[in-house]
């Protein structure tokens, strides 16, 4: 087991990868630097190997797939994940490592949004998207995470080996943030500088397509992690629709003693039944979610015990 592992997912980053690897080695001399190539067609692998990185491959395209491979294969007490585009200064990495190794942090967020991100990033829709995602998650999950989609993070062994990765692409950062918040893992924040990509380096993030995927991930995870709130909201909306359409029918009945709109009355009854079903579905799924949390705590304890044994054997 490595003490510190630097994980760099890469796809066509020949302009910057050598510098990122060298900066990582300078900032964390005792770390092992892993570059996981995701089907690059340029000189990314060659330059990373020359800079001293351990090269591994993930052939299923997508950042989420790369991170799944990294988390499965690498064993370390502390993991630093950073993008290969040289947008994150590695001099902040030692502070992030310290929070994991000596302050029990499960995930450390490299917070760009509290420093230079909005002035350095030249893509206004990315700025708006980051703010929207942060506000949505903090509101839905009652938390205060400063940067949801940062690619610069540190993790404990326990987090890495118990995190179920379901996303394939860039929505992975949103998924890991919600996972940590929901399971009450210790999340620390380190404000880091951000610099825009150097000239000739191209972002792989599609503002609109990946943005909608991120919003879809938030929707899906809120449904999975907070089913009572999710289905209660639907129940409330359905009940309101039913009542609004029922009021004219009831008013006509009081005025004439007759039900003049039987189809509307029947639809109102079915909509109200759907609202009741949605409410009770939320109750049942909430019990299932609580069981999943208990199972997670058990798995997390087993993983932490395994890490402790490995450290004692060394």
Foldseek 3Di string as FASTA:
>chain_A
DAAEEEEEEDAAQVVFQLVVLLQQCVQPVRYAYEYEYAPHPDCNVVSNVVSPHHYHYDPQDAPLSSLLVVLVPDDHQKYKFAYRQPFFRCNCVVVQSCCVPPVVAAKEDAAAPVDCCVVADPDVLVVVLQVVLQVVCCVLLVHHDRTQQHRTMMGGNLLSVLQDRDDGYSLRSNSSVSVCSLLVGHYHYDHTHTHDGPPPDDDPDDSPVVSVVNVVVSVVVSCQQQVQVVLLVVLVVLLVVLVVLVVVQVVVCVVPVDRPCVVSNVVSVVSNVSSVVSNVVSVVSNVVNVVVSVVSVVSSVVSVVVVVVVVVVD
